[in-house]
């Protein structure tokens, strides 16, 4: 329970049981946001790993494409220049 919220509600004239329930609900809402933050951090780390894997695979694809282009240029050069 958040005691500051409870005290503020009591001083505003709210009944004690309702003030206590409202303060407890606000405290639980804060806990839910903490759990969401943890889940977001976990998801972010998984995404970072996936991005690194894709980047490394992209480097391989670039090398393969470059090799294929170089091989085609070599074949075409040999066909037309000899």
C-alpha atoms as a PDB file:
ATOM      1  CA  UNK A   1       0.000   0.000   0.000  1.00  0.00           C
ATOM      2  CA  UNK A   2       1.171   3.525  -0.750  1.00  0.00           C
ATOM      3  CA  UNK A   3       0.853   5.374   2.548  1.00  0.00           C
ATOM      4  CA  UNK A   4       1.040   8.847   0.973  1.00  0.00           C
ATOM      5  CA  UNK A   5      -1.952   8.096  -1.240  1.00  0.00           C
ATOM      6  CA  UNK A   6      -3.823   6.598   1.696  1.00  0.00           C
ATOM      7  CA  UNK A   7      -3.137   9.675   3.852  1.00  0.00           C
ATOM      8  CA  UNK A   8      -4.184  12.016   1.040  1.00  0.00           C
ATOM      9  CA  UNK A   9      -7.449  10.178   0.499  1.00  0.00           C
ATOM     10  CA  UNK A  10      -8.221  10.162   4.227  1.00  0.00           C
ATOM     11  CA  UNK A  11      -7.499  13.904   4.483  1.00  0.00           C
ATOM     12  CA  UNK A  12      -9.730  14.478   1.432  1.00  0.00           C
ATOM     13  CA  UNK A  13     -12.587  12.847   3.294  1.00  0.00           C
ATOM     14  CA  UNK A  14     -12.714   9.383   1.773  1.00  0.00           C
ATOM     15  CA  UNK A  15     -13.841   6.506   4.011  1.00  0.00           C
ATOM     16  CA  UNK A  16     -10.958   4.529   5.518  1.00  0.00           C
ATOM     17  CA  UNK A  17     -11.807   1.221   3.831  1.00  0.00           C
ATOM     18  CA  UNK A  18     -12.102   2.841   0.394  1.00  0.00           C
ATOM     19  CA  UNK A  19      -8.890   4.828   0.896  1.00  0.00           C
ATOM     20  CA  UNK A  20      -7.017   1.662   1.879  1.00  0.00           C
ATOM     21  CA  UNK A  21      -8.396  -0.273  -1.115  1.00  0.00           C
ATOM     22  CA  UNK A  22      -7.497   2.555  -3.527  1.00  0.00           C
ATOM     23  CA  UNK A  23      -3.945   2.813  -2.151  1.00  0.00           C
ATOM     24  CA  UNK A  24      -3.481  -0.973  -2.425  1.00  0.00           C
ATOM     25  CA  UNK A  25      -4.797  -0.954  -5.994  1.00  0.00           C
ATOM     26  CA  UNK A  26      -2.326   1.772  -6.975  1.00  0.00           C
ATOM     27  CA  UNK A  27       0.524  -0.191  -5.396  1.00  0.00           C
ATOM     28  CA  UNK A  28      -0.481  -3.300  -7.372  1.00  0.00           C
ATOM     29  CA  UNK A  29      -0.674  -1.278 -10.584  1.00  0.00           C
ATOM     30  CA  UNK A  30       2.924  -0.196 -10.030  1.00  0.00           C
ATOM     31  CA  UNK A  31       3.939  -3.848  -9.644  1.00  0.00           C
ATOM     32  CA  UNK A  32       2.248  -4.698 -12.943  1.00  0.00           C
ATOM     33  CA  UNK A  33       4.294  -2.036 -14.719  1.00  0.00           C
ATOM     34  CA  UNK A  34       7.471  -3.478 -13.197  1.00  0.00           C
ATOM     35  CA  UNK A  35       6.601  -6.916 -14.579  1.00  0.00           C
ATOM     36  CA  UNK A  36       5.891  -5.389 -17.991  1.00  0.00           C
ATOM     37  CA  UNK A  37       9.272  -3.618 -17.927  1.00  0.00           C
ATOM     38  CA  UNK A  38      10.966  -6.933 -17.194  1.00  0.00           C
ATOM     39  CA  UNK A  39       9.142  -8.629 -20.057  1.00  0.00           C
ATOM     40  CA  UNK A  40      10.091  -5.823 -22.441  1.00  0.00           C
ATOM     41  CA  UNK A  41      13.762  -6.101 -21.467  1.00  0.00           C
ATOM     42  CA  UNK A  42      13.659  -9.857 -22.003  1.00  0.00           C
ATOM     43  CA  UNK A  43      12.059  -9.399 -25.426  1.00  0.00           C
ATOM     44  CA  UNK A  44      14.603  -6.719 -26.314  1.00  0.00           C
ATOM     45  CA  UNK A  45      17.504  -9.057 -25.559  1.00  0.00           C
ATOM     46  CA  UNK A  46      15.944 -11.787 -27.721  1.00  0.00           C
ATOM     47  CA  UNK A  47      15.474  -9.322 -30.568  1.00  0.00           C
ATOM     48  CA  UNK A  48      19.081  -8.146 -30.260  1.00  0.00           C
ATOM     49  CA  UNK A  49      20.234 -11.749 -30.636  1.00  0.00           C
ATOM     50  CA  UNK A  50      18.012 -12.282 -33.670  1.00  0.00           C
ATOM     51  CA  UNK A  51      19.260  -9.079 -35.308  1.00  0.00           C
ATOM     52  CA  UNK A  52      22.895 -10.103 -34.787  1.00  0.00           C
ATOM     53  CA  UNK A  53      22.190 -13.490 -36.360  1.00  0.00           C
ATOM     54  CA  UNK A  54      20.497 -11.863 -39.360  1.00  0.00           C
ATOM     55  CA  UNK A  55      23.366  -9.417 -39.794  1.00  0.00           C
ATOM     56  CA  UNK A  56      25.908 -12.245 -39.862  1.00  0.00           C
ATOM     57  CA  UNK A  57      23.822 -14.179 -42.392  1.00  0.00           C
ATOM     58  CA  UNK A  58      23.487 -11.044 -44.517  1.00  0.00           C
ATOM     59  CA  UNK A  59      27.272 -10.743 -44.679  1.00  0.00           C
ATOM     60  CA  UNK A  60      27.447 -14.304 -46.012  1.00  0.00           C
ATOM     61  CA  UNK A  61      24.770 -13.570 -48.638  1.00  0.00           C
ATOM     62  CA  UNK A  62      26.667 -10.455 -49.758  1.00  0.00           C
ATOM     63  CA  UNK A  63      29.864 -12.475 -50.194  1.00  0.00           C
ATOM     64  CA  UNK A  64      27.991 -15.158 -52.130  1.00  0.00           C
ATOM     65  CA  UNK A  65      26.390 -12.573 -54.425  1.00  0.00           C
ATOM     66  CA  UNK A  66      29.737 -10.877 -54.992  1.00  0.00           C
ATOM     67  CA  UNK A  67      31.390 -14.190 -55.818  1.00  0.00           C
ATOM     68  CA  UNK A  68      28.574 -15.042 -58.241  1.00  0.00           C
ATOM     69  CA  UNK A  69      28.881 -11.673 -59.993  1.00  0.00           C
ATOM     70  CA  UNK A  70      32.671 -12.004 -60.214  1.00  0.00           C
ATOM     71  CA  UNK A  71      32.354 -15.511 -61.649  1.00  0.00           C
ATOM     72  CA  UNK A  72      29.833 -14.318 -64.260  1.00  0.00           C
ATOM     73  CA  UNK A  73      32.091 -11.421 -65.252  1.00  0.00           C
ATOM     74  CA  UNK A  74      35.031 -13.825 -65.599  1.00  0.00           C
ATOM     75  CA  UNK A  75      33.004 -16.204 -67.769  1.00  0.00           C
ATOM     76  CA  UNK A  76      31.665 -13.379 -69.964  1.00  0.00           C
ATOM     77  CA  UNK A  77      35.147 -11.886 -70.312  1.00  0.00           C
ATOM     78  CA  UNK A  78      36.568 -15.237 -71.397  1.00  0.00           C
ATOM     79  CA  UNK A  79      33.728 -15.776 -73.902  1.00  0.00           C
ATOM     80  CA  UNK A  80      33.970 -12.424 -75.608  1.00  0.00           C
ATOM     81  CA  UNK A  81      37.675 -11.667 -75.436  1.00  0.00           C
ATOM     82  CA  UNK A  82      39.066 -15.011 -76.608  1.00  0.00           C
END
